[in-house]
C-alpha atoms as a PDB file:
ATOM      1  CA  MET A   1      35.988  -1.117  10.600  1.00  0.00           C
ATOM      2  CA  MET A   2      35.105  -0.323   7.027  1.00  0.00           C
ATOM      3  CA  THR A   3      37.629   1.516   4.712  1.00  0.00           C
ATOM      4  CA  ASP A   4      36.550   4.978   3.633  1.00  0.00           C
ATOM      5  CA  LEU A   5      36.838   4.728   0.336  1.00  0.00           C
ATOM      6  CA  ALA A   6      35.167   8.202  -0.903  1.00  0.00           C
ATOM      7  CA  PRO A   7      36.235  10.475   2.288  1.00  0.00           C
ATOM      8  CA  THR A   8      35.161  13.634   0.443  1.00  0.00           C
ATOM      9  CA  ILE A   9      31.554  12.316   0.036  1.00  0.00           C
ATOM     10  CA  THR A  10      29.544  13.020   3.367  1.00  0.00           C
ATOM     11  CA  ARG A  11      27.461   9.830   4.540  1.00  0.00           C
ATOM     12  CA  GLN A  12      25.871   9.373   7.574  1.00  0.00           C
ATOM     13  CA  ARG A  13      23.745   5.833   8.627  1.00  0.00           C
ATOM     14  CA  LEU A  14      22.003   5.096  11.287  1.00  0.00           C
ATOM     15  CA  LEU A  15      20.754   1.689  11.777  1.00  0.00           C
ATOM     16  CA  MET A  16      17.861   1.219  14.382  1.00  0.00           C
ATOM     17  CA  GLU A  17      15.956  -1.755  15.546  1.00  0.00           C
ATOM     18  CA  GLY A  18      13.548  -2.596  18.473  1.00  0.00           C
ATOM     19  CA  PHE A  19       9.881  -4.142  19.065  1.00  0.00           C
ATOM     20  CA  SER A  20       7.166  -1.515  18.393  1.00  0.00           C
ATOM     21  CA  GLY A  21       4.524  -0.827  21.043  1.00  0.00           C
ATOM     22  CA  LYS A  22       1.897  -0.328  18.428  1.00  0.00           C
ATOM     23  CA  ARG A  23       0.540  -2.084  15.321  1.00  0.00           C
ATOM     24  CA  VAL A  24       1.950  -0.385  12.314  1.00  0.00           C
ATOM     25  CA  ASP A  25       0.435  -0.084   8.964  1.00  0.00           C
ATOM     26  CA  GLN A  26       1.071   2.084   5.951  1.00  0.00           C
ATOM     27  CA  TYR A  27      -0.431   4.752   7.431  1.00  0.00           C
ATOM     28  CA  VAL A  28       1.498   4.807  10.570  1.00  0.00           C
ATOM     29  CA  ILE A  29       4.690   4.333   8.394  1.00  0.00           C
ATOM     30  CA  THR A  30       3.817   7.307   6.088  1.00  0.00           C
ATOM     31  CA  ALA A  31       3.485   9.271   9.410  1.00  0.00           C
ATOM     32  CA  TYR A  32       6.685   8.528  10.900  1.00  0.00           C
ATOM     33  CA  PHE A  33       8.517   9.535   7.553  1.00  0.00           C
ATOM     34  CA  ASN A  34       6.921  13.053   7.922  1.00  0.00           C
ATOM     35  CA  GLU A  35       7.536  13.242  11.556  1.00  0.00           C
ATOM     36  CA  ILE A  36      11.155  11.852  11.524  1.00  0.00           C
ATOM     37  CA  THR A  37      12.285  14.206   8.224  1.00  0.00           C
ATOM     38  CA  LYS A  38      10.878  17.239  10.040  1.00  0.00           C
ATOM     39  CA  ALA A  39      12.918  16.317  13.268  1.00  0.00           C
ATOM     40  CA  LEU A  40      16.142  15.442  11.467  1.00  0.00           C
ATOM     41  CA  ASN A  41      15.218  18.867   8.524  1.00  0.00           C
ATOM     42  CA  LEU A  42      15.553  16.333   5.712  1.00  0.00           C
ATOM     43  CA  ARG A  43      13.869  16.742   2.665  1.00  0.00           C
ATOM     44  CA  MET A  44      11.447  14.641   0.905  1.00  0.00           C
ATOM     45  CA  TYR A  45      11.335  14.643  -2.874  1.00  0.00           C
ATOM     46  CA  GLY A  46       8.614  11.956  -3.635  1.00  0.00           C
ATOM     47  CA  GLN A  47       6.034   9.865  -1.573  1.00  0.00           C
ATOM     48  CA  PRO A  48       6.887   7.054   0.492  1.00  0.00           C
ATOM     49  CA  ILE A  49       6.733   3.994  -1.519  1.00  0.00           C
ATOM     50  CA  ILE A  50       5.267   1.001   0.904  1.00  0.00           C
ATOM     51  CA  PHE A  51       4.869  -2.572   0.170  1.00  0.00           C
ATOM     52  CA  SER A  52       2.711  -4.925   1.720  1.00  0.00           C
ATOM     53  CA  PRO A  53       3.056  -8.254   0.297  1.00  0.00           C
ATOM     54  CA  GLY A  54      -0.096 -10.024   1.783  1.00  0.00           C
ATOM     55  CA  GLY A  55       0.090 -13.469   1.446  1.00  0.00           C
ATOM     56  CA  GLU A  56       3.297 -14.004  -0.297  1.00  0.00           C
ATOM     57  CA  GLY A  57       6.201 -15.648   1.034  1.00  0.00           C
ATOM     58  CA  LYS A  58       6.482 -16.849   5.049  1.00  0.00           C
ATOM     59  CA  GLU A  59       3.662 -15.855   7.224  1.00  0.00           C
ATOM     60  CA  GLU A  60       6.225 -14.888   9.730  1.00  0.00           C
ATOM     61  CA  ASN A  61       7.932 -12.490   7.249  1.00  0.00           C
ATOM     62  CA  ARG A  62       4.579 -10.589   6.691  1.00  0.00           C
ATOM     63  CA  GLY A  63       4.757  -6.926   7.125  1.00  0.00           C
ATOM     64  CA  TYR A  64       5.826  -3.894   5.710  1.00  0.00           C
ATOM     65  CA  ASP A  65       8.824  -2.991   3.017  1.00  0.00           C
ATOM     66  CA  ALA A  66       8.982   0.688   3.038  1.00  0.00           C
ATOM     67  CA  PHE A  67      11.226   3.837   1.334  1.00  0.00           C
ATOM     68  CA  VAL A  68      11.167   7.624   1.305  1.00  0.00           C
ATOM     69  CA  PRO A  69      13.686   9.474  -1.402  1.00  0.00           C
ATOM     70  CA  LEU A  70      15.447  12.437   0.305  1.00  0.00           C
ATOM     71  CA  ILE A  71      16.851  15.263  -1.484  1.00  0.00           C
ATOM     72  CA  ASP A  72      19.937  14.233   0.865  1.00  0.00           C
ATOM     73  CA  SER A  73      19.497  10.304  -0.101  1.00  0.00           C
ATOM     74  CA  GLY A  74      16.678   8.006   1.704  1.00  0.00           C
ATOM     75  CA  ILE A  75      15.004   6.014   4.948  1.00  0.00           C
ATOM     76  CA  SER A  76      14.028   2.453   4.645  1.00  0.00           C
ATOM     77  CA  LEU A  77      11.881   0.868   6.908  1.00  0.00           C
ATOM     78  CA  TYR A  78      11.308  -2.965   7.411  1.00  0.00           C
ATOM     79  CA  TYR A  79       8.244  -4.081  10.022  1.00  0.00           C
ATOM     80  CA  TRP A  80       7.521  -7.937  10.853  1.00  0.00           C
ATOM     81  CA  SER A  81       3.748  -7.826  11.711  1.00  0.00           C
ATOM     82  CA  SER A  82       3.897 -10.853  13.706  1.00  0.00           C
ATOM     83  CA  GLU A  83       6.723  -9.867  15.630  1.00  0.00           C
ATOM     84  CA  THR A  84       5.819  -6.262  15.826  1.00  0.00           C
ATOM     85  CA  PHE A  85       9.857  -5.793  14.994  1.00  0.00           C
ATOM     86  CA  LEU A  86      11.279  -2.741  13.147  1.00  0.00           C
ATOM     87  CA  SER A  87      14.224  -2.307  11.451  1.00  0.00           C
ATOM     88  CA  ILE A  88      15.081   1.212   9.795  1.00  0.00           C
ATOM     89  CA  ILE A  89      17.875   2.562   7.961  1.00  0.00           C
ATOM     90  CA  ILE A  90      18.446   6.333   7.686  1.00  0.00           C
ATOM     91  CA  TYR A  91      21.178   7.058   4.933  1.00  0.00           C
ATOM     92  CA  THR A  92      22.015  10.687   4.382  1.00  0.00           C
ATOM     93  CA  CYS A  93      24.654  13.029   2.113  1.00  0.00           C
ATOM     94  CA  LYS A  94      24.259  15.498   5.146  1.00  0.00           C
ATOM     95  CA  ASP A  95      25.016  15.606   8.749  1.00  0.00           C
ATOM     96  CA  PHE A  96      21.959  14.535  11.409  1.00  0.00           C
ATOM     97  CA  ASP A  97      21.648  14.503  15.097  1.00  0.00           C
ATOM     98  CA  ASN A  98      21.881  10.572  15.673  1.00  0.00           C
ATOM     99  CA  GLY A  99      20.302  11.592  19.594  1.00  0.00           C
ATOM    100  CA  ILE A 100      17.278  12.749  17.997  1.00  0.00           C
ATOM    101  CA  ALA A 101      16.641  10.240  15.172  1.00  0.00           C
ATOM    102  CA  ILE A 102      16.545   7.823  18.138  1.00  0.00           C
ATOM    103  CA  LYS A 103      14.168   9.551  20.404  1.00  0.00           C
ATOM    104  CA  VAL A 104      11.706  10.125  17.684  1.00  0.00           C
ATOM    105  CA  THR A 105      11.780   6.758  16.379  1.00  0.00           C
ATOM    106  CA  LYS A 106      11.562   5.386  20.061  1.00  0.00           C
ATOM    107  CA  TYR A 107       8.775   7.974  21.422  1.00  0.00           C
ATOM    108  CA  PHE A 108       6.989   7.344  17.657  1.00  0.00           C
ATOM    109  CA  PHE A 109       6.617   3.752  18.014  1.00  0.00           C
ATOM    110  CA  ASP A 110       6.667   3.338  21.553  1.00  0.00           C
ATOM    111  CA  VAL A 111       9.822   0.983  21.675  1.00  0.00           C
ATOM    112  CA  HIS A 112      11.399   0.300  25.139  1.00  0.00           C
ATOM    113  CA  ASP A 113      14.558  -1.279  24.120  1.00  0.00           C
ATOM    114  CA  LEU A 114      15.791   0.343  21.029  1.00  0.00           C
ATOM    115  CA  VAL A 115      19.010  -0.657  19.515  1.00  0.00           C
ATOM    116  CA  PHE A 116      21.137   1.294  17.055  1.00  0.00           C
ATOM    117  CA  ARG A 117      24.383   1.397  15.381  1.00  0.00           C
ATOM    118  CA  THR A 118      26.063   4.066  13.025  1.00  0.00           C
ATOM    119  CA  PHE A 119      28.406   3.765  10.490  1.00  0.00           C
END
């Protein structure tokens, strides 16, 4: 267990991982960020930043690295194309419903066995 060094600062974190049942690209990632922020009543203050190094690094690690800034912190998404594997971290300074985040993510990406951890 990690010691809470700043108990007066609200921080909620949710890590979700699983294998996507659909192919992911920059348009799908943008649509997810729009959907998850709406479902959790979080506010974006900038456009998503989506990287796909295309040819850089190991072939098995190719995919997408994405981030969207929120008024209340941010959401990071990582996707490995060859494995259709997702890793998503929602980090906020505002409380949100983990159950809604899990449900929306599982449905949006058609993930059958989504695992998650809060911290």
